[in-house]
């Protein structure tokens, strides 16, 4: 009887260790403090919307589209762990990502051209 109890206790301990290891691996792939941002844009009307520090990518996209306000707005950038910026002029636009707001804006302006200006940016924590 003592051997049987010891084996059951050992099996329970191994099961608990496996469960803890599995949970730790899941948390490594799905961190709780991961925040999302998005930028939405409609070129013809010039409407822009953005969202930052949302818990899901879907929440960020929906908020950016809501702020954009035009029924044909499109999400042009989604970001986690960084920044995104939208630069535009009358004819074109460019969206770029970067580690910081300044980097994202500089990249977007460089890609868009000299007459462009930053219309929106978002950074996440």
N, C-alpha and C. Protein backbone atom coordinates (compact mmCIF):
# COMPACT_ATOMS: atom_id res chain seq x y z
N UNK A 1 0.81 -1.19 0.00
CA UNK A 1 0.00 0.00 0.00
C UNK A 1 0.86 1.26 0.00
N UNK A 2 1.95 1.27 0.71
CA UNK A 2 2.82 2.43 0.78
C UNK A 2 3.46 2.70 -0.58
N UNK A 3 3.85 1.67 -1.29
CA UNK A 3 4.44 1.83 -2.62
C UNK A 3 3.41 2.40 -3.58
N UNK A 4 2.18 1.93 -3.48
CA UNK A 4 1.11 2.42 -4.35
C UNK A 4 0.84 3.91 -4.10
N UNK A 5 0.80 4.33 -2.85
CA UNK A 5 0.60 5.74 -2.51
C UNK A 5 1.76 6.59 -3.01
N UNK A 6 2.97 6.08 -2.86
CA UNK A 6 4.15 6.80 -3.32
C UNK A 6 4.10 6.97 -4.84
N UNK A 7 3.72 5.93 -5.56
CA UNK A 7 3.61 6.02 -7.02
C UNK A 7 2.52 7.00 -7.44
N UNK A 8 1.39 6.99 -6.75
CA UNK A 8 0.32 7.94 -7.05
C UNK A 8 0.77 9.38 -6.79
N UNK A 9 1.46 9.57 -5.67
CA UNK A 9 1.96 10.91 -5.34
C UNK A 9 2.98 11.37 -6.38
N UNK A 10 3.84 10.46 -6.80
CA UNK A 10 4.84 10.77 -7.82
C UNK A 10 4.17 11.09 -9.15
N UNK A 11 3.16 10.32 -9.53
CA UNK A 11 2.43 10.57 -10.77
C UNK A 11 1.73 11.93 -10.71
N UNK A 12 1.12 12.25 -9.57
CA UNK A 12 0.45 13.54 -9.41
C UNK A 12 1.45 14.68 -9.50
N UNK A 13 2.61 14.51 -8.91
CA UNK A 13 3.65 15.53 -8.97
C UNK A 13 4.14 15.73 -10.40
N UNK A 14 4.36 14.65 -11.12
CA UNK A 14 4.79 14.75 -12.52
C UNK A 14 3.73 15.44 -13.37
N UNK A 15 2.47 15.11 -13.14
CA UNK A 15 1.37 15.74 -13.87
C UNK A 15 1.33 17.24 -13.58
N UNK A 16 1.49 17.63 -12.33
CA UNK A 16 1.48 19.04 -11.94
C UNK A 16 2.65 19.79 -12.59
N UNK A 17 3.81 19.17 -12.60
CA UNK A 17 4.99 19.79 -13.23
C UNK A 17 4.76 20.00 -14.72
N UNK A 18 4.18 19.00 -15.37
CA UNK A 18 3.90 19.10 -16.81
C UNK A 18 2.89 20.22 -17.07
N UNK A 19 1.88 20.35 -16.22
CA UNK A 19 0.88 21.41 -16.39
C UNK A 19 1.50 22.79 -16.22
N UNK A 20 2.36 22.95 -15.23
CA UNK A 20 3.03 24.23 -15.00
C UNK A 20 3.94 24.57 -16.17
N UNK A 21 4.67 23.59 -16.67
CA UNK A 21 5.58 23.82 -17.81
C UNK A 21 4.78 24.19 -19.05
N UNK A 22 3.65 23.54 -19.27
CA UNK A 22 2.80 23.85 -20.42
C UNK A 22 2.25 25.27 -20.31
N UNK A 23 1.80 25.67 -19.13
CA UNK A 23 1.28 27.02 -18.94
C UNK A 23 2.38 28.06 -19.15
N UNK A 24 3.57 27.78 -18.69
CA UNK A 24 4.69 28.72 -18.88
C UNK A 24 5.02 28.87 -20.35
N UNK A 25 5.00 27.77 -21.10
CA UNK A 25 5.28 27.84 -22.54
C UNK A 25 4.20 28.65 -23.25
N UNK A 26 2.94 28.48 -22.86
CA UNK A 26 1.85 29.24 -23.47
C UNK A 26 2.02 30.72 -23.19
N UNK A 27 2.38 31.08 -21.95
CA UNK A 27 2.57 32.48 -21.59
C UNK A 27 3.73 33.10 -22.34
N UNK A 28 4.76 32.31 -22.67
CA UNK A 28 5.88 32.84 -23.46
C UNK A 28 5.42 33.20 -24.86
N UNK A 29 4.49 32.43 -25.42
CA UNK A 29 3.99 32.70 -26.77
C UNK A 29 2.88 33.74 -26.78
N UNK A 30 2.17 33.91 -25.66
CA UNK A 30 1.03 34.81 -25.58
C UNK A 30 1.16 35.71 -24.35
N UNK A 31 2.08 36.68 -24.39
CA UNK A 31 2.27 37.53 -23.21
C UNK A 31 1.02 38.35 -22.91
N UNK A 32 0.76 38.56 -21.63
CA UNK A 32 -0.44 39.27 -21.21
C UNK A 32 -0.34 40.77 -21.45
N UNK A 33 0.84 41.29 -21.49
CA UNK A 33 1.00 42.74 -21.63
C UNK A 33 1.27 43.15 -23.08
N UNK A 34 0.79 42.38 -24.02
CA UNK A 34 0.95 42.70 -25.42
C UNK A 34 -0.18 43.63 -25.85
N UNK A 35 0.15 44.83 -26.28
CA UNK A 35 -0.84 45.79 -26.70
C UNK A 35 -0.79 46.00 -28.20
N UNK A 36 -1.92 46.42 -28.76
CA UNK A 36 -2.06 46.56 -30.21
C UNK A 36 -2.47 47.99 -30.58
N UNK A 37 -2.02 48.42 -31.73
CA UNK A 37 -2.41 49.72 -32.27
C UNK A 37 -2.75 49.57 -33.74
N UNK A 38 -3.44 50.56 -34.31
CA UNK A 38 -3.81 50.50 -35.72
C UNK A 38 -4.03 51.92 -36.25
N UNK A 39 -3.88 52.05 -37.56
CA UNK A 39 -4.19 53.30 -38.26
C UNK A 39 -5.12 52.96 -39.41
N UNK A 40 -6.20 53.74 -39.55
CA UNK A 40 -7.15 53.59 -40.66
C UNK A 40 -7.12 54.86 -41.50
N UNK A 41 -7.38 54.71 -42.81
CA UNK A 41 -7.25 55.85 -43.71
C UNK A 41 -8.19 55.70 -44.90
N UNK A 42 -8.75 56.83 -45.34
CA UNK A 42 -9.52 56.88 -46.58
C UNK A 42 -8.93 58.02 -47.42
N UNK A 43 -8.27 57.66 -48.51
CA UNK A 43 -7.52 58.63 -49.30
C UNK A 43 -8.40 59.73 -49.88
N UNK A 44 -9.52 59.37 -50.50
CA UNK A 44 -10.34 60.37 -51.20
C UNK A 44 -10.86 61.45 -50.28
N UNK A 45 -11.23 61.09 -49.06
CA UNK A 45 -11.77 62.09 -48.13
C UNK A 45 -10.70 62.66 -47.20
N UNK A 46 -9.57 61.96 -47.10
CA UNK A 46 -8.51 62.38 -46.19
C UNK A 46 -8.78 62.00 -44.74
N UNK A 47 -9.81 61.19 -44.51
CA UNK A 47 -10.16 60.78 -43.15
C UNK A 47 -9.10 59.84 -42.58
N UNK A 48 -8.78 60.06 -41.30
CA UNK A 48 -7.77 59.25 -40.62
C UNK A 48 -8.29 58.89 -39.23
N UNK A 49 -7.95 57.69 -38.80
CA UNK A 49 -8.27 57.28 -37.44
C UNK A 49 -7.17 56.40 -36.91
N UNK A 50 -7.03 56.35 -35.60
CA UNK A 50 -5.98 55.51 -35.01
C UNK A 50 -6.43 55.01 -33.65
N UNK A 51 -5.75 53.97 -33.22
CA UNK A 51 -6.00 53.41 -31.89
C UNK A 51 -4.67 52.95 -31.33
N UNK A 52 -4.57 52.99 -30.02
CA UNK A 52 -3.33 52.55 -29.37
C UNK A 52 -3.65 51.81 -28.08
N UNK A 53 -2.76 50.92 -27.70
CA UNK A 53 -2.84 50.16 -26.45
C UNK A 53 -4.17 49.44 -26.24
N UNK A 54 -4.63 48.77 -27.28
CA UNK A 54 -5.82 47.92 -27.17
C UNK A 54 -5.37 46.49 -26.85
N UNK A 55 -6.25 45.73 -26.23
CA UNK A 55 -5.89 44.38 -25.80
C UNK A 55 -5.82 43.38 -26.94
N UNK A 56 -6.53 43.64 -28.03
CA UNK A 56 -6.48 42.73 -29.18
C UNK A 56 -6.29 43.54 -30.45
N UNK A 57 -5.80 42.88 -31.46
CA UNK A 57 -5.64 43.51 -32.77
C UNK A 57 -7.01 43.93 -33.31
N UNK A 58 -8.00 43.09 -33.10
CA UNK A 58 -9.36 43.39 -33.58
C UNK A 58 -9.88 44.68 -32.93
N UNK A 59 -9.70 44.82 -31.61
CA UNK A 59 -10.15 46.04 -30.92
C UNK A 59 -9.46 47.27 -31.50
N UNK A 60 -8.17 47.15 -31.78
CA UNK A 60 -7.42 48.29 -32.32
C UNK A 60 -7.94 48.66 -33.72
N UNK A 61 -8.15 47.67 -34.56
CA UNK A 61 -8.64 47.94 -35.92
C UNK A 61 -10.03 48.57 -35.89
N UNK A 62 -10.91 48.04 -35.04
CA UNK A 62 -12.28 48.58 -34.95
C UNK A 62 -12.26 50.03 -34.46
N UNK A 63 -11.45 50.33 -33.46
CA UNK A 63 -11.37 51.70 -32.96
C UNK A 63 -10.80 52.65 -34.02
N UNK A 64 -9.77 52.22 -34.74
CA UNK A 64 -9.20 53.07 -35.79
C UNK A 64 -10.23 53.35 -36.88
N UNK A 65 -10.98 52.34 -37.27
CA UNK A 65 -12.03 52.53 -38.29
C UNK A 65 -13.14 53.44 -37.77
N UNK A 66 -13.51 53.29 -36.50
CA UNK A 66 -14.54 54.14 -35.90
C UNK A 66 -14.10 55.60 -35.91
N UNK A 67 -12.85 55.85 -35.52
CA UNK A 67 -12.34 57.22 -35.50
C UNK A 67 -12.23 57.79 -36.90
N UNK A 68 -11.88 56.96 -37.86
CA UNK A 68 -11.72 57.41 -39.24
C UNK A 68 -13.03 58.00 -39.76
N UNK A 69 -14.13 57.35 -39.44
CA UNK A 69 -15.43 57.93 -39.69
C UNK A 69 -16.01 57.80 -41.08
N UNK A 70 -15.25 57.40 -42.07
CA UNK A 70 -15.77 57.24 -43.41
C UNK A 70 -16.07 55.77 -43.65
N UNK A 71 -17.17 55.47 -44.32
CA UNK A 71 -17.56 54.06 -44.50
C UNK A 71 -16.55 53.26 -45.33
N UNK A 72 -15.70 53.93 -46.08
CA UNK A 72 -14.72 53.22 -46.89
C UNK A 72 -13.29 53.30 -46.35
N UNK A 73 -13.15 53.68 -45.10
CA UNK A 73 -11.83 53.68 -44.48
C UNK A 73 -11.29 52.25 -44.45
N UNK A 74 -9.99 52.15 -44.55
CA UNK A 74 -9.32 50.85 -44.48
C UNK A 74 -8.21 50.92 -43.46
N UNK A 75 -7.97 49.81 -42.78
CA UNK A 75 -6.84 49.74 -41.86
C UNK A 75 -5.58 49.61 -42.71
N UNK A 76 -4.67 50.57 -42.56
CA UNK A 76 -3.45 50.57 -43.35
C UNK A 76 -2.23 50.15 -42.52
N UNK A 77 -2.40 50.07 -41.20
CA UNK A 77 -1.28 49.64 -40.35
C UNK A 77 -1.83 49.01 -39.08
N UNK A 78 -1.19 47.93 -38.68
CA UNK A 78 -1.43 47.30 -37.38
C UNK A 78 -0.07 47.11 -36.74
N UNK A 79 0.01 47.34 -35.44
CA UNK A 79 1.32 47.29 -34.78
C UNK A 79 1.19 46.75 -33.37
N UNK A 80 2.20 46.00 -32.96
CA UNK A 80 2.40 45.58 -31.58
C UNK A 80 3.86 45.80 -31.26
N UNK A 81 4.16 46.17 -30.03
CA UNK A 81 5.54 46.39 -29.60
C UNK A 81 6.31 47.34 -30.51
N UNK A 82 5.72 48.48 -30.79
CA UNK A 82 6.41 49.45 -31.62
C UNK A 82 5.48 50.57 -32.04
N UNK A 83 5.84 51.21 -33.15
CA UNK A 83 5.09 52.37 -33.64
C UNK A 83 4.83 52.23 -35.13
N UNK A 84 3.83 52.97 -35.60
CA UNK A 84 3.53 53.06 -37.02
C UNK A 84 3.14 54.51 -37.31
N UNK A 85 3.42 54.96 -38.54
CA UNK A 85 3.08 56.32 -38.94
C UNK A 85 2.56 56.33 -40.36
N UNK A 86 1.63 57.24 -40.63
CA UNK A 86 1.06 57.46 -41.95
C UNK A 86 1.46 58.85 -42.40
N UNK A 87 2.13 58.94 -43.54
CA UNK A 87 2.47 60.23 -44.16
C UNK A 87 1.68 60.33 -45.46
N UNK A 88 1.26 61.55 -45.81
CA UNK A 88 0.45 61.72 -47.03
C UNK A 88 0.64 63.10 -47.63
N UNK A 89 0.31 63.16 -48.92
CA UNK A 89 0.13 64.42 -49.60
C UNK A 89 -1.15 64.28 -50.42
N UNK A 90 -1.38 65.17 -51.36
CA UNK A 90 -2.64 65.14 -52.11
C UNK A 90 -2.77 63.90 -53.00
N UNK A 91 -1.65 63.32 -53.42
CA UNK A 91 -1.72 62.22 -54.39
C UNK A 91 -1.37 60.85 -53.83
N UNK A 92 -0.58 60.79 -52.77
CA UNK A 92 -0.11 59.48 -52.31
C UNK A 92 0.00 59.46 -50.79
N UNK A 93 0.22 58.25 -50.30
CA UNK A 93 0.46 58.08 -48.87
C UNK A 93 1.43 56.92 -48.67
N UNK A 94 2.03 56.88 -47.49
CA UNK A 94 2.95 55.80 -47.14
C UNK A 94 2.80 55.51 -45.65
N UNK A 95 2.88 54.23 -45.32
CA UNK A 95 2.80 53.79 -43.94
C UNK A 95 4.06 53.00 -43.64
N UNK A 96 4.68 53.30 -42.51
CA UNK A 96 5.89 52.59 -42.11
C UNK A 96 5.86 52.33 -40.61
N UNK A 97 6.60 51.30 -40.20
CA UNK A 97 6.72 50.96 -38.79
C UNK A 97 8.13 51.26 -38.31
N UNK A 98 8.25 51.43 -37.00
CA UNK A 98 9.56 51.66 -36.40
C UNK A 98 9.51 51.37 -34.92
N UNK A 99 10.66 51.32 -34.31
CA UNK A 99 10.75 51.06 -32.88
C UNK A 99 10.26 52.25 -32.06
N UNK A 100 10.37 53.46 -32.64
CA UNK A 100 9.92 54.68 -31.96
C UNK A 100 9.04 55.48 -32.91
N UNK A 101 8.34 56.46 -32.35
CA UNK A 101 7.52 57.35 -33.17
C UNK A 101 8.37 58.06 -34.20
N UNK A 102 9.51 58.59 -33.77
CA UNK A 102 10.39 59.33 -34.67
C UNK A 102 10.87 58.45 -35.83
N UNK A 103 11.23 57.21 -35.54
CA UNK A 103 11.68 56.31 -36.60
C UNK A 103 10.56 56.00 -37.59
N UNK A 104 9.37 55.72 -37.09
CA UNK A 104 8.23 55.42 -37.97
C UNK A 104 7.89 56.62 -38.83
N UNK A 105 7.86 57.82 -38.24
CA UNK A 105 7.55 59.02 -39.00
C UNK A 105 8.62 59.29 -40.06
N UNK A 106 9.89 59.17 -39.70
CA UNK A 106 10.97 59.43 -40.66
C UNK A 106 10.89 58.46 -41.83
N UNK A 107 10.64 57.20 -41.56
CA UNK A 107 10.53 56.21 -42.64
C UNK A 107 9.34 56.50 -43.55
N UNK A 108 8.19 56.86 -42.94
CA UNK A 108 6.99 57.15 -43.73
C UNK A 108 7.20 58.39 -44.61
N UNK A 109 7.81 59.42 -44.04
CA UNK A 109 8.08 60.64 -44.82
C UNK A 109 9.06 60.38 -45.95
N UNK A 110 10.09 59.60 -45.67
CA UNK A 110 11.08 59.27 -46.70
C UNK A 110 10.43 58.50 -47.85
N UNK A 111 9.57 57.55 -47.51
CA UNK A 111 8.92 56.74 -48.54
C UNK A 111 7.89 57.55 -49.32
N UNK A 112 7.18 58.44 -48.66
CA UNK A 112 6.11 59.20 -49.30
C UNK A 112 6.64 60.31 -50.22
N UNK A 113 7.65 61.02 -49.78
CA UNK A 113 8.19 62.09 -50.61
C UNK A 113 8.25 63.41 -49.87
N UNK A 114 8.87 64.42 -50.52
CA UNK A 114 9.18 65.67 -49.82
C UNK A 114 7.96 66.55 -49.53
N UNK A 115 6.89 66.40 -50.26
CA UNK A 115 5.70 67.22 -50.01
C UNK A 115 4.75 66.60 -48.99
N UNK A 116 5.08 65.46 -48.48
CA UNK A 116 4.20 64.74 -47.54
C UNK A 116 4.36 65.27 -46.12
N UNK A 117 3.34 65.03 -45.33
CA UNK A 117 3.38 65.34 -43.91
C UNK A 117 2.74 64.18 -43.15
N UNK A 118 3.12 64.05 -41.90
CA UNK A 118 2.58 62.97 -41.07
C UNK A 118 1.13 63.30 -40.72
N UNK A 119 0.24 62.34 -41.03
CA UNK A 119 -1.18 62.52 -40.75
C UNK A 119 -1.61 61.78 -39.49
N UNK A 120 -0.91 60.69 -39.16
CA UNK A 120 -1.27 59.91 -37.97
C UNK A 120 -0.09 59.04 -37.55
N UNK A 121 -0.08 58.73 -36.27
CA UNK A 121 0.92 57.80 -35.74
C UNK A 121 0.32 57.10 -34.54
N UNK A 122 0.84 55.96 -34.22
CA UNK A 122 0.44 55.23 -33.01
C UNK A 122 1.61 54.44 -32.51
N UNK A 123 1.74 54.35 -31.20
CA UNK A 123 2.77 53.53 -30.55
C UNK A 123 2.10 52.71 -29.46
N UNK A 124 2.63 51.52 -29.24
CA UNK A 124 2.10 50.67 -28.18
C UNK A 124 3.12 50.56 -27.06
N UNK A 125 2.64 50.19 -25.89
CA UNK A 125 3.53 49.99 -24.75
C UNK A 125 4.32 48.73 -24.92
